[in-house]
Amino acid sequence: MATEEPEGTSTEDPFAEDPYDSGEEAPDPYESGTCLNGTLPDSTTAQEVSGVDEVSCSASDAHYQVIQTIPLTSDMSRCDANSATQYAFSYQYTLDGATLNEYVYCLIGLGSYAR
C-alpha cells in the first residue's frame, strides 16, 4: 500500500548541497619526502611565492625536499626546532579570502640549493 505525501512537501534534503562549496577540494599537504621545485626567498619573514610545485625527487628541477610538515600554523620559526632545516615554507589554503588551513614545511635544499 503506497502512501502519498501531503501536497507542498518534499523528500529532498534542502541541505544536500553546500552553497559555499566551490567544487574544489583543498589540496593535501605535502608529506615528508616530497620534493618541490621553484625558488624560495632566503627570508624568515612571510613573502608571497609562486611557481613552487611538487615534482619527482629525481627531476632535474627538484630543489627542495620536505623533512617536516607542521599543520595549523604559518609561523615558519617552528622549523627552528628541527636542526636539519635549511629552508622554511608556509602555505595557506583559502576560500574567498578566508583561511581554511595552513601549513609550515621544513625543507632541505637539494643539489646546488643545499646549504
Protein backbone atom coordinates (compact mmCIF):
# COMPACT_ATOMS: atom_id res chain seq x y z
CA MET A 1 0.00 0.00 0.00
CA ALA A 2 1.57 3.29 -1.12
CA THR A 3 1.33 6.42 0.94
CA GLU A 4 1.03 9.84 -0.60
CA GLU A 5 2.79 12.87 0.77
CA PRO A 6 0.68 15.90 1.50
CA GLU A 7 0.81 18.45 -1.30
CA GLY A 8 3.62 21.02 -0.93
CA THR A 9 6.06 18.73 0.92
CA SER A 10 9.30 17.37 -0.49
CA THR A 11 11.53 14.46 0.40
CA GLU A 12 14.63 16.23 -0.97
CA ASP A 13 17.21 17.27 1.60
CA PRO A 14 17.46 21.09 1.49
CA PHE A 15 20.96 20.86 2.97
CA ALA A 16 22.30 18.30 0.49
CA GLU A 17 24.21 20.97 -1.44
CA ASP A 18 26.66 23.27 0.28
CA PRO A 19 26.15 26.79 -1.13
CA TYR A 20 29.76 27.61 -0.19
CA ASP A 21 31.26 24.59 -1.93
CA SER A 22 33.46 25.78 -4.77
CA GLY A 23 33.65 22.26 -6.18
CA GLU A 24 37.37 22.14 -5.42
CA GLU A 25 38.81 20.12 -2.57
CA ALA A 26 41.63 21.64 -0.56
CA PRO A 27 44.89 20.07 -1.72
CA ASP A 28 46.53 17.56 0.58
CA PRO A 29 49.54 18.93 2.42
CA TYR A 30 53.00 17.93 1.26
CA GLU A 31 54.32 14.93 3.21
CA SER A 32 57.86 14.29 4.40
CA GLY A 33 59.95 13.11 1.48
CA THR A 34 58.04 15.20 -1.08
CA CYS A 35 60.26 17.22 -3.43
CA LEU A 36 59.48 20.72 -4.68
CA ASN A 37 60.75 22.88 -7.49
CA GLY A 38 60.79 26.67 -7.85
CA THR A 39 62.76 29.15 -5.81
CA LEU A 40 62.01 30.20 -2.26
CA PRO A 41 63.17 33.56 -0.91
CA ASP A 42 66.04 33.45 1.56
CA SER A 43 63.99 35.05 4.31
CA THR A 44 62.47 34.19 7.67
CA THR A 45 59.53 36.55 7.10
CA ALA A 46 56.49 35.55 5.07
CA GLN A 47 56.57 36.57 1.43
CA GLU A 48 54.29 35.67 -1.45
CA VAL A 49 55.80 32.91 -3.58
CA SER A 50 54.57 31.35 -6.79
CA GLY A 51 55.85 28.59 -9.02
CA VAL A 52 56.60 26.09 -6.25
CA ASP A 53 55.13 22.71 -7.16
CA GLU A 54 55.57 19.05 -6.25
CA VAL A 55 57.98 17.20 -8.54
CA SER A 56 59.69 13.83 -8.61
CA CYS A 57 62.78 13.79 -6.40
CA SER A 58 64.76 12.53 -9.40
CA ALA A 59 63.67 15.50 -11.55
CA SER A 60 66.37 17.95 -12.61
CA ASP A 61 64.31 20.81 -11.17
CA ALA A 62 63.82 19.23 -7.70
CA HIS A 63 65.28 21.95 -5.47
CA TYR A 64 63.87 21.17 -2.01
CA GLN A 65 62.71 18.16 -0.01
CA VAL A 66 60.12 18.31 2.78
CA ILE A 67 61.51 16.93 6.04
CA GLN A 68 58.64 18.00 8.33
CA THR A 69 55.06 19.28 7.95
CA ILE A 70 53.56 21.37 10.75
CA PRO A 71 49.78 21.90 10.40
CA LEU A 72 47.59 24.75 11.67
CA THR A 73 50.27 27.45 11.68
CA SER A 74 52.04 29.90 9.41
CA ASP A 75 54.86 30.50 11.93
CA MET A 76 57.97 29.49 10.00
CA SER A 77 60.11 29.77 13.15
CA ARG A 78 58.54 26.45 14.23
CA CYS A 79 61.12 24.82 11.91
CA ASP A 80 63.90 26.13 14.17
CA ALA A 81 63.26 23.10 16.40
CA ASN A 82 64.33 20.80 13.54
CA SER A 83 68.11 21.21 13.27
CA ALA A 84 68.20 19.73 9.75
CA THR A 85 66.02 22.55 8.36
CA GLN A 86 67.67 24.68 5.69
CA TYR A 87 64.54 26.44 4.41
CA ALA A 88 61.02 27.05 5.75
CA PHE A 89 57.94 27.44 3.59
CA SER A 90 54.44 28.40 4.73
CA TYR A 91 51.30 27.74 2.71
CA GLN A 92 47.69 28.77 3.34
CA TYR A 93 44.67 27.21 1.67
CA THR A 94 41.99 29.89 1.32
CA LEU A 95 38.45 30.17 0.03
CA ASP A 96 37.12 33.62 -0.82
CA GLY A 97 39.85 35.20 1.31
CA ALA A 98 39.18 33.06 4.41
CA THR A 99 41.94 30.73 5.58
CA LEU A 100 40.74 27.12 5.57
CA ASN A 101 44.03 25.58 6.65
CA GLU A 102 47.69 26.45 6.81
CA TYR A 103 50.94 24.53 7.00
CA VAL A 104 54.61 25.19 7.58
CA TYR A 105 57.06 22.97 5.73
CA CYS A 106 60.61 22.44 6.94
CA LEU A 107 62.84 21.74 3.96
CA ILE A 108 66.36 20.78 2.96
CA GLY A 109 67.93 22.01 -0.24
CA LEU A 110 68.91 19.56 -2.98
CA GLY A 111 71.93 19.88 -5.29
CA SER A 112 73.06 23.49 -5.59
CA TYR A 113 70.23 24.52 -3.19
CA ALA A 114 71.77 22.56 -0.29
CA ARG A 115 73.25 24.73 2.45
